[in-house]
Every structure is written in C-alpha cells, then in structure tokens.
PDB file of N, CA and C in Angstrom:
ATOM      1  N   MET A   1      -2.587   6.774  17.636  1.00  0.00           N
ATOM      2  CA  MET A   1      -3.327   6.095  16.590  1.00  0.00           C
ATOM      3  C   MET A   1      -2.791   4.307  16.514  1.00  0.00           C
ATOM      4  N   ARG A   2      -3.517   3.582  15.929  1.00  0.00           N
ATOM      5  CA  ARG A   2      -3.188   2.326  16.037  1.00  0.00           C
ATOM      6  C   ARG A   2      -2.517   1.523  14.835  1.00  0.00           C
ATOM      7  N   SER A   3      -1.385   0.777  14.725  1.00  0.00           N
ATOM      8  CA  SER A   3      -0.918  -0.003  14.095  1.00  0.00           C
ATOM      9  C   SER A   3      -1.225  -1.238  13.855  1.00  0.00           C
ATOM     10  N   GLU A   4      -0.730  -1.830  12.398  1.00  0.00           N
ATOM     11  CA  GLU A   4      -0.414  -3.029  12.300  1.00  0.00           C
ATOM     12  C   GLU A   4       0.408  -3.717  11.249  1.00  0.00           C
ATOM     13  N   ASN A   5       1.451  -4.830  12.042  1.00  0.00           N
ATOM     14  CA  ASN A   5       2.464  -4.960  11.211  1.00  0.00           C
ATOM     15  C   ASN A   5       1.594  -5.682  10.210  1.00  0.00           C
ATOM     16  N   THR A   6       2.435  -5.592   9.029  1.00  0.00           N
ATOM     17  CA  THR A   6       1.967  -5.707   7.752  1.00  0.00           C
ATOM     18  C   THR A   6       3.242  -6.441   6.653  1.00  0.00           C
ATOM     19  N   LEU A   7       2.368  -7.210   6.331  1.00  0.00           N
ATOM     20  CA  LEU A   7       4.247  -8.165   4.947  1.00  0.00           C
ATOM     21  C   LEU A   7       4.351  -7.318   3.714  1.00  0.00           C
ATOM     22  N   PHE A   8       5.379  -6.789   3.310  1.00  0.00           N
ATOM     23  CA  PHE A   8       5.868  -6.500   2.169  1.00  0.00           C
ATOM     24  C   PHE A   8       6.149  -7.384   0.915  1.00  0.00           C
ATOM     25  N   VAL A   9       6.025  -7.320   0.197  1.00  0.00           N
ATOM     26  CA  VAL A   9       6.745  -8.352  -1.050  1.00  0.00           C
ATOM     27  C   VAL A   9       7.061  -7.965  -2.138  1.00  0.00           C
ATOM     28  N   GLY A  10       8.135  -8.189  -2.730  1.00  0.00           N
ATOM     29  CA  GLY A  10       8.654  -7.613  -3.838  1.00  0.00           C
ATOM     30  C   GLY A  10       9.163  -6.332  -3.749  1.00  0.00           C
ATOM     31  N   GLY A  11       9.938  -5.908  -4.424  1.00  0.00           N
ATOM     32  CA  GLY A  11      10.530  -4.542  -4.758  1.00  0.00           C
ATOM     33  C   GLY A  11      11.564  -4.176  -3.308  1.00  0.00           C
ATOM     34  N   PRO A  12      11.754  -3.123  -3.011  1.00  0.00           N
ATOM     35  CA  PRO A  12      12.876  -2.935  -1.905  1.00  0.00           C
ATOM     36  C   PRO A  12      12.405  -3.396  -0.951  1.00  0.00           C
ATOM     37  N   LEU A  13      11.638  -3.450  -0.242  1.00  0.00           N
ATOM     38  CA  LEU A  13      10.896  -4.041   1.113  1.00  0.00           C
ATOM     39  C   LEU A  13      10.495  -5.392   0.908  1.00  0.00           C
ATOM     40  N   ASP A  14      11.030  -6.129  -0.266  1.00  0.00           N
ATOM     41  CA  ASP A  14      10.524  -7.565   0.295  1.00  0.00           C
ATOM     42  C   ASP A  14      11.090  -8.475   1.662  1.00  0.00           C
ATOM     43  N   GLY A  15      10.129  -9.232   1.944  1.00  0.00           N
ATOM     44  CA  GLY A  15       9.900  -9.611   3.062  1.00  0.00           C
ATOM     45  C   GLY A  15      10.023  -9.114   4.315  1.00  0.00           C
ATOM     46  N   ARG A  16      10.070  -8.002   4.244  1.00  0.00           N
ATOM     47  CA  ARG A  16       9.961  -6.818   5.476  1.00  0.00           C
ATOM     48  C   ARG A  16       8.648  -7.156   6.295  1.00  0.00           C
ATOM     49  N   VAL A  17       8.275  -7.175   7.543  1.00  0.00           N
ATOM     50  CA  VAL A  17       7.114  -6.657   8.098  1.00  0.00           C
ATOM     51  C   VAL A  17       7.426  -5.475   8.830  1.00  0.00           C
ATOM     52  N   LEU A  18       6.229  -4.387   8.684  1.00  0.00           N
ATOM     53  CA  LEU A  18       6.633  -2.957   9.097  1.00  0.00           C
ATOM     54  C   LEU A  18       5.180  -2.713   9.534  1.00  0.00           C
ATOM     55  N   PRO A  19       5.099  -1.944  10.596  1.00  0.00           N
ATOM     56  CA  PRO A  19       3.848  -1.508  11.376  1.00  0.00           C
ATOM     57  C   PRO A  19       3.257  -0.250  10.365  1.00  0.00           C
ATOM     58  N   VAL A  20       2.152  -0.579  10.065  1.00  0.00           N
ATOM     59  CA  VAL A  20       1.507   0.495   9.404  1.00  0.00           C
ATOM     60  C   VAL A  20       0.281   1.009   9.636  1.00  0.00           C
ATOM     61  N   LEU A  21       0.437   2.097   9.895  1.00  0.00           N
ATOM     62  CA  LEU A  21      -1.104   2.733  10.538  1.00  0.00           C
ATOM     63  C   LEU A  21      -1.938   2.530  10.030  1.00  0.00           C
ATOM     64  N   VAL A  22      -3.420   2.114  11.252  1.00  0.00           N
ATOM     65  CA  VAL A  22      -4.483   1.779   9.827  1.00  0.00           C
ATOM     66  C   VAL A  22      -5.220   3.360  10.390  1.00  0.00           C
ATOM     67  N   GLY A  23      -6.509   3.113   9.316  1.00  0.00           N
ATOM     68  CA  GLY A  23      -7.519   4.134   9.372  1.00  0.00           C
ATOM     69  C   GLY A  23      -8.320   4.044  10.699  1.00  0.00           C
ATOM     70  N   MET A  24      -9.733   4.952  10.332  1.00  0.00           N
ATOM     71  CA  MET A  24     -11.002   4.286  11.476  1.00  0.00           C
ATOM     72  C   MET A  24     -11.532   3.561  11.332  1.00  0.00           C
ATOM     73  N   THR A  25     -11.467   2.400  10.073  1.00  0.00           N
ATOM     74  CA  THR A  25     -12.061   1.627   9.983  1.00  0.00           C
ATOM     75  C   THR A  25     -11.215   0.083  10.536  1.00  0.00           C
ATOM     76  N   GLY A  26     -10.003   0.249  10.462  1.00  0.00           N
ATOM     77  CA  GLY A  26      -8.886  -0.731  10.958  1.00  0.00           C
ATOM     78  C   GLY A  26      -8.200  -1.253   9.755  1.00  0.00           C
ATOM     79  N   GLN A  27      -8.239  -0.745   8.368  1.00  0.00           N
ATOM     80  CA  GLN A  27      -7.563  -1.307   7.447  1.00  0.00           C
ATOM     81  C   GLN A  27      -6.313  -0.052   7.037  1.00  0.00           C
ATOM     82  N   PRO A  28      -5.176  -0.517   6.498  1.00  0.00           N
ATOM     83  CA  PRO A  28      -4.458  -0.115   6.341  1.00  0.00           C
ATOM     84  C   PRO A  28      -5.052   0.810   4.599  1.00  0.00           C
ATOM     85  N   PRO A  29      -4.304   1.977   4.573  1.00  0.00           N
ATOM     86  CA  PRO A  29      -4.387   2.275   3.024  1.00  0.00           C
ATOM     87  C   PRO A  29      -4.291   1.605   2.046  1.00  0.00           C
ATOM     88  N   LYS A  30      -4.737   2.141   1.165  1.00  0.00           N
ATOM     89  CA  LYS A  30      -4.877   1.111  -0.106  1.00  0.00           C
ATOM     90  C   LYS A  30      -3.524   1.305  -1.050  1.00  0.00           C
ATOM     91  N   THR A  31      -2.973   2.231  -0.770  1.00  0.00           N
ATOM     92  CA  THR A  31      -1.440   1.988  -1.732  1.00  0.00           C
ATOM     93  C   THR A  31      -0.159   2.813  -0.194  1.00  0.00           C
ATOM     94  N   TYR A  32       0.921   2.458  -0.566  1.00  0.00           N
ATOM     95  CA  TYR A  32       1.957   2.685   0.121  1.00  0.00           C
ATOM     96  C   TYR A  32       3.071   3.100  -0.482  1.00  0.00           C
ATOM     97  N   GLU A  33       3.745   4.357  -0.228  1.00  0.00           N
ATOM     98  CA  GLU A  33       4.754   4.939  -1.056  1.00  0.00           C
ATOM     99  C   GLU A  33       5.986   4.887  -0.443  1.00  0.00           C
ATOM    100  N   VAL A  34       7.226   4.555  -0.830  1.00  0.00           N
ATOM    101  CA  VAL A  34       8.358   4.531  -0.193  1.00  0.00           C
ATOM    102  C   VAL A  34       9.566   5.319  -0.761  1.00  0.00           C
ATOM    103  N   PRO A  35       9.656   6.740  -0.299  1.00  0.00           N
ATOM    104  CA  PRO A  35      10.729   7.298  -1.011  1.00  0.00           C
ATOM    105  C   PRO A  35      12.550   6.471  -1.015  1.00  0.00           C
ATOM    106  N   GLU A  36      12.977   6.578  -2.367  1.00  0.00           N
ATOM    107  CA  GLU A  36      14.140   6.399  -2.054  1.00  0.00           C
ATOM    108  C   GLU A  36      15.513   7.298  -2.498  1.00  0.00           C
ATOM    109  N   PRO A  37      16.108   7.872  -1.176  1.00  0.00           N
ATOM    110  CA  PRO A  37      17.055   9.035  -1.978  1.00  0.00           C
ATOM    111  C   PRO A  37      17.852   8.776  -2.426  1.00  0.00           C
ATOM    112  N   HIS A  38      18.509   9.754  -3.084  1.00  0.00           N
ATOM    113  CA  HIS A  38      19.857   9.336  -4.036  1.00  0.00           C
ATOM    114  C   HIS A  38      20.876  10.576  -3.845  1.00  0.00           C
ATOM    115  N   ASP A  39      22.206  10.044  -3.616  1.00  0.00           N
ATOM    116  CA  ASP A  39      23.164  11.118  -2.888  1.00  0.00           C
ATOM    117  C   ASP A  39      23.645  12.144  -3.672  1.00  0.00           C
ATOM    118  N   ASP A  40      23.341  11.811  -5.062  1.00  0.00           N
ATOM    119  CA  ASP A  40      23.643  12.846  -6.177  1.00  0.00           C
ATOM    120  C   ASP A  40      23.147  14.376  -6.035  1.00  0.00           C
ATOM    121  N   GLY A  41      22.048  14.260  -5.275  1.00  0.00           N
ATOM    122  CA  GLY A  41      21.427  15.475  -5.389  1.00  0.00           C
ATOM    123  C   GLY A  41      19.881  15.276  -6.243  1.00  0.00           C
ATOM    124  N   ARG A  42      19.538  14.227  -6.804  1.00  0.00           N
ATOM    125  CA  ARG A  42      18.635  13.983  -7.754  1.00  0.00           C
ATOM    126  C   ARG A  42      17.385  14.140  -6.758  1.00  0.00           C
ATOM    127  N   PRO A  43      16.070  14.111  -7.403  1.00  0.00           N
ATOM    128  CA  PRO A  43      15.014  13.789  -6.483  1.00  0.00           C
ATOM    129  C   PRO A  43      14.769  12.480  -6.140  1.00  0.00           C
ATOM    130  N   PRO A  44      14.094  11.914  -5.125  1.00  0.00           N
ATOM    131  CA  PRO A  44      14.132  10.680  -4.631  1.00  0.00           C
ATOM    132  C   PRO A  44      13.007   9.978  -5.811  1.00  0.00           C
ATOM    133  N   THR A  45      13.609   8.324  -5.929  1.00  0.00           N
ATOM    134  CA  THR A  45      12.819   7.053  -6.415  1.00  0.00           C
ATOM    135  C   THR A  45      11.891   6.933  -5.754  1.00  0.00           C
ATOM    136  N   VAL A  46      10.550   6.958  -6.029  1.00  0.00           N
ATOM    137  CA  VAL A  46       9.236   6.768  -5.267  1.00  0.00           C
ATOM    138  C   VAL A  46       8.821   5.150  -5.675  1.00  0.00           C
ATOM    139  N   HIS A  47       8.726   4.690  -4.860  1.00  0.00           N
ATOM    140  CA  HIS A  47       8.175   2.825  -4.882  1.00  0.00           C
ATOM    141  C   HIS A  47       6.818   2.750  -4.470  1.00  0.00           C
ATOM    142  N   PHE A  48       5.859   2.172  -5.524  1.00  0.00           N
ATOM    143  CA  PHE A  48       4.543   2.098  -4.472  1.00  0.00           C
ATOM    144  C   PHE A  48       4.619   0.823  -4.476  1.00  0.00           C
ATOM    145  N   TYR A  49       3.567   0.472  -3.398  1.00  0.00           N
ATOM    146  CA  TYR A  49       2.693  -1.029  -3.003  1.00  0.00           C
ATOM    147  C   TYR A  49       1.276  -0.437  -3.280  1.00  0.00           C
ATOM    148  N   ARG A  50       0.635  -2.052  -3.530  1.00  0.00           N
ATOM    149  CA  ARG A  50      -0.713  -2.111  -3.468  1.00  0.00           C
ATOM    150  C   ARG A  50      -1.316  -3.200  -2.497  1.00  0.00           C
ATOM    151  N   ARG A  51      -2.097  -2.605  -1.700  1.00  0.00           N
ATOM    152  CA  ARG A  51      -2.899  -3.259  -0.582  1.00  0.00           C
ATOM    153  C   ARG A  51      -3.638  -4.514  -1.301  1.00  0.00           C
ATOM    154  N   VAL A  52      -3.322  -5.855  -0.771  1.00  0.00           N
ATOM    155  CA  VAL A  52      -4.185  -6.764  -1.181  1.00  0.00           C
ATOM    156  C   VAL A  52      -4.327  -7.831  -0.082  1.00  0.00           C
ATOM    157  N   PRO A  53      -5.517  -8.881  -0.210  1.00  0.00           N
ATOM    158  CA  PRO A  53      -5.954 -10.036   1.001  1.00  0.00           C
ATOM    159  C   PRO A  53      -4.371 -10.615   1.329  1.00  0.00           C
ATOM    160  N   ALA A  54      -3.994 -10.745   2.270  1.00  0.00           N
ATOM    161  CA  ALA A  54      -2.973 -11.732   3.062  1.00  0.00           C
ATOM    162  C   ALA A  54      -3.761 -13.356   2.387  1.00  0.00           C
ATOM    163  N   ARG A  55      -5.093 -13.851   3.319  1.00  0.00           N
ATOM    164  CA  ARG A  55      -5.157 -14.467   3.350  1.00  0.00           C
ATOM    165  C   ARG A  55      -6.536 -14.580   2.925  1.00  0.00           C
ATOM    166  N   VAL A  56      -8.113 -15.313   2.133  1.00  0.00           N
ATOM    167  CA  VAL A  56      -9.398 -15.333   2.246  1.00  0.00           C
ATOM    168  C   VAL A  56      -9.952 -16.380   3.009  1.00  0.00           C
ATOM    169  N   GLY A  57     -10.754 -16.452   3.700  1.00  0.00           N
ATOM    170  CA  GLY A  57     -11.363 -17.260   4.357  1.00  0.00           C
ATOM    171  C   GLY A  57     -12.143 -18.014   3.724  1.00  0.00           C
ATOM    172  N   ARG A  58     -13.170 -18.932   3.979  1.00  0.00           N
ATOM    173  CA  ARG A  58     -14.153 -19.814   3.332  1.00  0.00           C
ATOM    174  C   ARG A  58     -15.148 -19.117   3.180  1.00  0.00           C
ATOM    175  N   LEU A  59     -15.790 -17.721   3.551  1.00  0.00           N
ATOM    176  CA  LEU A  59     -16.526 -17.313   3.106  1.00  0.00           C
ATOM    177  C   LEU A  59     -16.309 -15.889   2.038  1.00  0.00           C
ATOM    178  N   GLY A  60     -15.191 -16.065   1.870  1.00  0.00           N
ATOM    179  CA  GLY A  60     -14.499 -14.941   1.031  1.00  0.00           C
ATOM    180  C   GLY A  60     -14.019 -13.922   1.621  1.00  0.00           C
ATOM    181  N   LEU A  61     -13.602 -13.672   2.519  1.00  0.00           N
ATOM    182  CA  LEU A  61     -13.951 -12.413   3.432  1.00  0.00           C
ATOM    183  C   LEU A  61     -11.987 -12.623   3.903  1.00  0.00           C
ATOM    184  N   PRO A  62     -11.320 -11.516   3.795  1.00  0.00           N
ATOM    185  CA  PRO A  62      -9.764 -11.620   3.598  1.00  0.00           C
ATOM    186  C   PRO A  62      -9.647 -11.384   5.130  1.00  0.00           C
ATOM    187  N   SER A  63      -8.685 -11.710   5.668  1.00  0.00           N
ATOM    188  CA  SER A  63      -8.445 -11.986   7.138  1.00  0.00           C
ATOM    189  C   SER A  63      -6.709 -11.297   7.110  1.00  0.00           C
ATOM    190  N   GLY A  64      -6.640 -10.300   7.223  1.00  0.00           N
ATOM    191  CA  GLY A  64      -5.229  -9.437   6.969  1.00  0.00           C
ATOM    192  C   GLY A  64      -4.903  -9.085   5.680  1.00  0.00           C
ATOM    193  N   TRP A  65      -3.901  -8.264   5.784  1.00  0.00           N
ATOM    194  CA  TRP A  65      -3.551  -7.390   4.462  1.00  0.00           C
ATOM    195  C   TRP A  65      -2.254  -7.894   4.389  1.00  0.00           C
ATOM    196  N   LYS A  66      -1.840  -7.541   3.071  1.00  0.00           N
ATOM    197  CA  LYS A  66      -0.272  -7.371   2.681  1.00  0.00           C
ATOM    198  C   LYS A  66      -0.368  -6.577   1.373  1.00  0.00           C
ATOM    199  N   TYR A  67       0.983  -5.739   1.264  1.00  0.00           N
ATOM    200  CA  TYR A  67       1.341  -5.071   0.406  1.00  0.00           C
ATOM    201  C   TYR A  67       2.487  -5.789  -0.897  1.00  0.00           C
ATOM    202  N   GLU A  68       1.750  -5.418  -2.310  1.00  0.00           N
ATOM    203  CA  GLU A  68       2.647  -6.372  -3.341  1.00  0.00           C
ATOM    204  C   GLU A  68       3.420  -4.921  -3.807  1.00  0.00           C
ATOM    205  N   TYR A  69       4.540  -5.390  -4.354  1.00  0.00           N
ATOM    206  CA  TYR A  69       5.338  -4.169  -5.173  1.00  0.00           C
ATOM    207  C   TYR A  69       4.431  -3.725  -6.277  1.00  0.00           C
ATOM    208  N   ASP A  70       4.630  -2.660  -6.814  1.00  0.00           N
ATOM    209  CA  ASP A  70       3.710  -2.168  -8.405  1.00  0.00           C
ATOM    210  C   ASP A  70       4.654  -1.086  -8.940  1.00  0.00           C
ATOM    211  N   PRO A  71       5.896  -2.063  -9.650  1.00  0.00           N
ATOM    212  CA  PRO A  71       6.512  -1.141 -10.324  1.00  0.00           C
ATOM    213  C   PRO A  71       6.092  -0.410 -11.244  1.00  0.00           C
ATOM    214  N   ALA A  72       4.659  -0.600 -11.970  1.00  0.00           N
ATOM    215  CA  ALA A  72       4.438   0.740 -12.687  1.00  0.00           C
ATOM    216  C   ALA A  72       3.308   1.512 -11.755  1.00  0.00           C
ATOM    217  N   GLY A  73       3.588   1.705 -10.741  1.00  0.00           N
ATOM    218  CA  GLY A  73       2.277   2.163  -9.883  1.00  0.00           C
ATOM    219  C   GLY A  73       2.432   3.995 -10.006  1.00  0.00           C
ATOM    220  N   THR A  74       1.139   4.442  -9.789  1.00  0.00           N
ATOM    221  CA  THR A  74       0.976   5.864 -10.015  1.00  0.00           C
ATOM    222  C   THR A  74       0.293   5.754  -8.749  1.00  0.00           C
ATOM    223  N   PRO A  75       0.454   7.338  -8.048  1.00  0.00           N
ATOM    224  CA  PRO A  75       0.028   8.047  -6.870  1.00  0.00           C
ATOM    225  C   PRO A  75      -1.611   8.176  -6.673  1.00  0.00           C
ATOM    226  N   SER A  76      -1.742   7.717  -6.016  1.00  0.00           N
ATOM    227  CA  SER A  76      -3.479   7.730  -5.474  1.00  0.00           C
ATOM    228  C   SER A  76      -3.808   8.970  -5.577  1.00  0.00           C
ATOM    229  N   THR A  77      -5.414   9.370  -6.273  1.00  0.00           N
ATOM    230  CA  THR A  77      -5.904  10.526  -6.679  1.00  0.00           C
ATOM    231  C   THR A  77      -6.883  10.877  -5.429  1.00  0.00           C
ATOM    232  N   GLY A  78      -6.978  10.191  -4.563  1.00  0.00           N
ATOM    233  CA  GLY A  78      -7.838   9.947  -3.621  1.00  0.00           C
ATOM    234  C   GLY A  78      -9.195   9.238  -3.838  1.00  0.00           C
ATOM    235  N   PRO A  79     -10.320   9.628  -3.087  1.00  0.00           N
ATOM    236  CA  PRO A  79     -11.722   8.313  -3.376  1.00  0.00           C
ATOM    237  C   PRO A  79     -12.086   8.921  -4.636  1.00  0.00           C
ATOM    238  N   LYS A  80     -12.803   7.542  -5.174  1.00  0.00           N
ATOM    239  CA  LYS A  80     -13.333   7.800  -6.608  1.00  0.00           C
ATOM    240  C   LYS A  80     -15.026   7.997  -6.344  1.00  0.00           C
ATOM    241  N   TRP A  81     -15.372   8.935  -6.023  1.00  0.00           N
ATOM    242  CA  TRP A  81     -16.834   9.381  -5.735  1.00  0.00           C
ATOM    243  C   TRP A  81     -17.602   8.650  -7.009  1.00  0.00           C
ATOM    244  N   PRO A  82     -18.694   8.147  -7.009  1.00  0.00           N
ATOM    245  CA  PRO A  82     -19.594   7.459  -8.366  1.00  0.00           C
ATOM    246  C   PRO A  82     -20.341   8.781  -8.853  1.00  0.00           C
ATOM    247  N   TRP A  83     -20.837   9.840  -8.245  1.00  0.00           N
ATOM    248  CA  TRP A  83     -21.249  11.020  -9.075  1.00  0.00           C
ATOM    249  C   TRP A  83     -20.279  11.753 -10.109  1.00  0.00           C
ATOM    250  N   ARG A  84     -18.974  11.656  -9.447  1.00  0.00           N
ATOM    251  CA  ARG A  84     -18.154  12.345 -10.399  1.00  0.00           C
ATOM    252  C   ARG A  84     -17.261  11.136 -11.858  1.00  0.00           C
ATOM    253  N   ARG A  85     -17.606  11.760 -12.887  1.00  0.00           N
ATOM    254  CA  ARG A  85     -17.387  10.597 -13.702  1.00  0.00           C
ATOM    255  C   ARG A  85     -16.594  11.683 -15.071  1.00  0.00           C
ATOM    256  N   HIS A  86     -15.784  10.877 -15.382  1.00  0.00           N
ATOM    257  CA  HIS A  86     -14.830  11.502 -16.442  1.00  0.00           C
ATOM    258  C   HIS A  86     -15.928  11.621 -18.217  1.00  0.00           C
ATOM    259  N   HIS A  87     -15.671  12.806 -18.168  1.00  0.00           N
ATOM    260  CA  HIS A  87     -16.348  13.173 -19.799  1.00  0.00           C
ATOM    261  C   HIS A  87     -15.587  12.729 -20.726  1.00  0.00           C
TER     262      HIS A  87
END
C-alpha cells in the first residue's frame, strides 16, 4: 500500500511528520487516532486528529493534507449515507 508523509499539528504529535497510509482515492483517512498507553494498567488515552487541507490553491482545491489535534474528538462511526437519516 502507498503512504504519504503527513504533518501533525497540536497534541502529543505536534510538529511531527509521519507516513500515513492512503486509500484507493489517494487521500489519507479523515480521522487519525493515537493511543497513549499508561503504566499503571489503566486503559490507554486516545488522542484524535482531524484531516484538514494543508494548502489551498487559487482554484480552491487542496494540495496536500495535514492533521490538526481535536481535544474533544469522538471516534468516527463510518460513512454518512444520504438515505440514512436520524429520526
């Protein structure tokens, strides 16, 4: 599989550039989860990052991606299909 070097902004990975696997469309996932283990046996703390455009060209199209820290992040639940609505 192909990977892309992606910048992380904020949180425990601030300023790091890590290789992130890209999907079939050539884009990295919309969210990135980083578990932080604890030494005392508690479950790991999970930090969430959201994908945002790194640069936007003159036509408004993104050229590259970066991840920004989301302190109040929630795990992704999958795609939101238009025919599934909350009642």
